[in-house]
Amino acid sequence: MFYDDDLIIGRVPKKVKERTKENMEVYNMTLYDAFQEATREFAKTGTELWKAWYYDDFRKFIPSVYNSEYLDFSKYPLKYARITQ
């Protein structure tokens, strides 16, 4: 799979997108692994992106790597959706 800006949706810092692209193109990582590593490195603690990394649930940011049935957030809610700091 090759990187495309349309693969990542939502508000994601530019550093995360750039690192994801680098991971996919240089190190031949999958989108999920590349995004997870970039998020671990650059997401600020307490943000929604950091919570997605912490709970290992990136459905809101990279839905293309998940089965479509799990993208129904009313049936399968995000683990971090109701958590506030």
N, C-alpha and C. Protein backbone atom coordinates (compact mmCIF):
# COMPACT_ATOMS: atom_id res chain seq x y z
N MET A 1 0.85 -1.17 0.00
CA MET A 1 0.00 0.00 0.00
C MET A 1 0.89 1.24 0.00
N PHE A 2 0.50 2.22 -0.78
CA PHE A 2 1.24 3.46 -0.84
C PHE A 2 0.49 4.54 -0.07
N TYR A 3 1.23 5.48 0.45
CA TYR A 3 0.63 6.55 1.24
C TYR A 3 -0.14 7.50 0.34
N ASP A 4 -1.29 7.96 0.86
CA ASP A 4 -2.10 8.98 0.21
C ASP A 4 -2.70 9.82 1.33
N ASP A 5 -2.77 11.12 1.14
CA ASP A 5 -3.31 12.00 2.18
C ASP A 5 -4.75 11.68 2.55
N ASP A 6 -5.48 11.04 1.63
CA ASP A 6 -6.88 10.70 1.89
C ASP A 6 -7.03 9.51 2.85
N LEU A 7 -5.96 8.80 3.14
CA LEU A 7 -6.04 7.64 4.03
C LEU A 7 -6.26 8.05 5.49
N ILE A 8 -5.78 9.22 5.85
CA ILE A 8 -5.91 9.72 7.22
C ILE A 8 -6.96 10.82 7.22
N ILE A 9 -7.98 10.66 8.07
CA ILE A 9 -9.03 11.66 8.14
C ILE A 9 -9.04 12.30 9.52
N GLY A 10 -9.74 13.39 9.65
CA GLY A 10 -9.82 14.09 10.94
C GLY A 10 -8.64 15.01 11.13
N ARG A 11 -8.61 15.62 12.30
CA ARG A 11 -7.54 16.56 12.63
C ARG A 11 -6.35 15.80 13.18
N VAL A 12 -5.31 15.72 12.38
CA VAL A 12 -4.09 15.01 12.74
C VAL A 12 -2.92 15.95 12.47
N PRO A 13 -1.99 16.08 13.43
CA PRO A 13 -0.85 16.98 13.23
C PRO A 13 -0.03 16.60 11.99
N LYS A 14 0.55 17.62 11.39
CA LYS A 14 1.34 17.42 10.17
C LYS A 14 2.51 16.47 10.42
N LYS A 15 3.13 16.55 11.59
CA LYS A 15 4.25 15.66 11.90
C LYS A 15 3.84 14.19 11.87
N VAL A 16 2.63 13.91 12.34
CA VAL A 16 2.14 12.53 12.35
C VAL A 16 1.93 12.05 10.91
N LYS A 17 1.35 12.90 10.09
CA LYS A 17 1.13 12.53 8.68
C LYS A 17 2.46 12.31 7.96
N GLU A 18 3.42 13.21 8.18
CA GLU A 18 4.71 13.08 7.52
C GLU A 18 5.45 11.83 7.97
N ARG A 19 5.40 11.53 9.27
CA ARG A 19 6.07 10.34 9.78
C ARG A 19 5.39 9.07 9.27
N THR A 20 4.06 9.11 9.17
CA THR A 20 3.33 7.96 8.63
C THR A 20 3.76 7.70 7.19
N LYS A 21 3.84 8.76 6.41
CA LYS A 21 4.28 8.64 5.02
C LYS A 21 5.69 8.07 4.94
N GLU A 22 6.59 8.58 5.76
CA GLU A 22 7.97 8.08 5.79
C GLU A 22 8.00 6.60 6.15
N ASN A 23 7.27 6.24 7.18
CA ASN A 23 7.25 4.83 7.62
C ASN A 23 6.76 3.91 6.51
N MET A 24 5.76 4.34 5.78
CA MET A 24 5.20 3.50 4.72
C MET A 24 6.12 3.41 3.50
N GLU A 25 6.70 4.54 3.12
CA GLU A 25 7.50 4.56 1.90
C GLU A 25 8.94 4.07 2.11
N VAL A 26 9.54 4.42 3.23
CA VAL A 26 10.93 4.04 3.46
C VAL A 26 11.04 2.67 4.12
N TYR A 27 10.19 2.42 5.12
CA TYR A 27 10.32 1.19 5.91
C TYR A 27 9.29 0.13 5.54
N ASN A 28 8.46 0.40 4.53
CA ASN A 28 7.46 -0.56 4.03
C ASN A 28 6.52 -1.07 5.13
N MET A 29 6.12 -0.19 6.01
CA MET A 29 5.18 -0.56 7.07
C MET A 29 3.76 -0.43 6.53
N THR A 30 2.83 -1.15 7.15
CA THR A 30 1.42 -1.01 6.79
C THR A 30 0.93 0.34 7.32
N LEU A 31 -0.20 0.78 6.81
CA LEU A 31 -0.77 2.05 7.26
C LEU A 31 -1.01 2.02 8.77
N TYR A 32 -1.56 0.93 9.28
CA TYR A 32 -1.86 0.85 10.71
C TYR A 32 -0.59 0.97 11.54
N ASP A 33 0.43 0.19 11.21
CA ASP A 33 1.67 0.21 11.98
C ASP A 33 2.39 1.55 11.85
N ALA A 34 2.39 2.12 10.66
CA ALA A 34 3.05 3.40 10.43
C ALA A 34 2.37 4.51 11.22
N PHE A 35 1.04 4.53 11.20
CA PHE A 35 0.28 5.55 11.91
C PHE A 35 0.43 5.37 13.42
N GLN A 36 0.42 4.14 13.89
CA GLN A 36 0.57 3.87 15.31
C GLN A 36 1.93 4.37 15.82
N GLU A 37 2.98 4.10 15.08
CA GLU A 37 4.32 4.55 15.49
C GLU A 37 4.41 6.07 15.48
N ALA A 38 3.88 6.69 14.44
CA ALA A 38 3.92 8.16 14.34
C ALA A 38 3.11 8.80 15.46
N THR A 39 1.98 8.22 15.78
CA THR A 39 1.13 8.74 16.86
C THR A 39 1.84 8.60 18.20
N ARG A 40 2.47 7.47 18.42
CA ARG A 40 3.20 7.26 19.67
C ARG A 40 4.29 8.32 19.85
N GLU A 41 4.94 8.68 18.76
CA GLU A 41 6.03 9.65 18.84
C GLU A 41 5.56 11.10 18.97
N PHE A 42 4.48 11.47 18.30
CA PHE A 42 4.15 12.89 18.16
C PHE A 42 2.84 13.35 18.79
N ALA A 43 1.96 12.46 19.19
CA ALA A 43 0.69 12.90 19.77
C ALA A 43 0.92 13.47 21.17
N LYS A 44 0.26 14.57 21.45
CA LYS A 44 0.39 15.19 22.77
C LYS A 44 -0.50 14.47 23.77
N THR A 45 0.01 14.26 24.96
CA THR A 45 -0.72 13.56 26.01
C THR A 45 -2.06 14.22 26.29
N GLY A 46 -3.09 13.39 26.37
CA GLY A 46 -4.42 13.88 26.70
C GLY A 46 -5.29 14.23 25.50
N THR A 47 -4.69 14.34 24.30
CA THR A 47 -5.48 14.65 23.12
C THR A 47 -6.25 13.42 22.66
N GLU A 48 -7.22 13.65 21.80
CA GLU A 48 -8.02 12.53 21.28
C GLU A 48 -7.14 11.55 20.51
N LEU A 49 -6.18 12.06 19.78
CA LEU A 49 -5.26 11.20 19.04
C LEU A 49 -4.42 10.35 19.99
N TRP A 50 -3.94 10.95 21.07
CA TRP A 50 -3.18 10.20 22.06
C TRP A 50 -4.04 9.11 22.70
N LYS A 51 -5.30 9.43 23.00
CA LYS A 51 -6.22 8.44 23.57
C LYS A 51 -6.46 7.30 22.59
N ALA A 52 -6.56 7.63 21.31
CA ALA A 52 -6.72 6.58 20.30
C ALA A 52 -5.51 5.66 20.30
N TRP A 53 -4.31 6.23 20.43
CA TRP A 53 -3.10 5.41 20.52
C TRP A 53 -3.12 4.58 21.80
N TYR A 54 -3.45 5.18 22.92
CA TYR A 54 -3.44 4.50 24.21
C TYR A 54 -4.39 3.30 24.21
N TYR A 55 -5.58 3.48 23.63
CA TYR A 55 -6.56 2.39 23.57
C TYR A 55 -6.44 1.56 22.30
N ASP A 56 -5.46 1.88 21.47
CA ASP A 56 -5.20 1.13 20.24
C ASP A 56 -6.45 1.02 19.38
N ASP A 57 -7.11 2.14 19.17
CA ASP A 57 -8.35 2.19 18.40
C ASP A 57 -8.33 3.43 17.50
N PHE A 58 -7.88 3.26 16.28
CA PHE A 58 -7.71 4.37 15.35
C PHE A 58 -8.84 4.46 14.32
N ARG A 59 -9.99 3.87 14.60
CA ARG A 59 -11.09 3.84 13.63
C ARG A 59 -11.50 5.23 13.16
N LYS A 60 -11.42 6.20 14.03
CA LYS A 60 -11.83 7.57 13.68
C LYS A 60 -10.83 8.25 12.74
N PHE A 61 -9.58 7.82 12.76
CA PHE A 61 -8.53 8.48 12.00
C PHE A 61 -8.11 7.72 10.74
N ILE A 62 -8.12 6.39 10.78
CA ILE A 62 -7.75 5.60 9.61
C ILE A 62 -8.77 4.47 9.41
N PRO A 63 -9.99 4.82 9.02
CA PRO A 63 -11.05 3.82 8.90
C PRO A 63 -10.80 2.78 7.82
N SER A 64 -9.95 3.06 6.86
CA SER A 64 -9.72 2.13 5.76
C SER A 64 -9.06 0.82 6.19
N VAL A 65 -8.45 0.78 7.36
CA VAL A 65 -7.80 -0.46 7.80
C VAL A 65 -8.72 -1.36 8.61
N TYR A 66 -9.95 -0.92 8.84
CA TYR A 66 -10.90 -1.70 9.65
C TYR A 66 -12.01 -2.27 8.77
N ASN A 67 -12.60 -3.37 9.21
CA ASN A 67 -13.79 -3.90 8.55
C ASN A 67 -14.91 -2.89 8.70
N SER A 68 -15.71 -2.72 7.67
CA SER A 68 -16.74 -1.69 7.67
C SER A 68 -17.78 -1.88 8.78
N GLU A 69 -18.02 -3.11 9.21
CA GLU A 69 -19.01 -3.32 10.26
C GLU A 69 -18.59 -2.68 11.59
N TYR A 70 -17.29 -2.56 11.83
CA TYR A 70 -16.81 -1.98 13.08
C TYR A 70 -16.74 -0.45 13.03
N LEU A 71 -17.10 0.14 11.92
CA LEU A 71 -17.11 1.59 11.80
C LEU A 71 -18.44 2.19 12.24
N ASP A 72 -19.36 1.35 12.66
CA ASP A 72 -20.64 1.81 13.20
C ASP A 72 -20.41 2.15 14.67
N PHE A 73 -20.17 3.45 14.95
CA PHE A 73 -19.81 3.86 16.30
C PHE A 73 -20.96 3.76 17.30
N SER A 74 -22.19 3.67 16.80
CA SER A 74 -23.31 3.49 17.73
C SER A 74 -23.35 2.04 18.24
N LYS A 75 -22.94 1.12 17.41
CA LYS A 75 -22.91 -0.29 17.80
C LYS A 75 -21.60 -0.65 18.49
N TYR A 76 -20.50 -0.10 17.98
CA TYR A 76 -19.17 -0.33 18.55
C TYR A 76 -18.55 1.02 18.89
N PRO A 77 -18.89 1.58 20.04
CA PRO A 77 -18.39 2.93 20.37
C PRO A 77 -16.87 2.94 20.60
N LEU A 78 -16.30 4.10 20.40
CA LEU A 78 -14.88 4.26 20.69
C LEU A 78 -14.66 4.15 22.19
N LYS A 79 -13.64 3.45 22.59
CA LYS A 79 -13.38 3.23 24.02
C LYS A 79 -13.08 4.53 24.75
N TYR A 80 -12.51 5.47 24.04
CA TYR A 80 -12.07 6.72 24.67
C TYR A 80 -13.07 7.87 24.47
N ALA A 81 -14.20 7.63 23.85
CA ALA A 81 -15.14 8.71 23.53
C ALA A 81 -15.71 9.40 24.77
N ARG A 82 -15.95 8.66 25.82
CA ARG A 82 -16.58 9.26 27.01
C ARG A 82 -15.58 9.58 28.12
N ILE A 83 -14.31 9.48 27.82
CA ILE A 83 -13.27 9.75 28.81
C ILE A 83 -12.82 11.21 28.65
N THR A 84 -12.81 11.95 29.73
CA THR A 84 -12.36 13.34 29.71
C THR A 84 -11.25 13.51 30.74
N GLN A 85 -10.48 14.55 30.56
CA GLN A 85 -9.42 14.83 31.53
C GLN A 85 -9.71 16.11 32.27
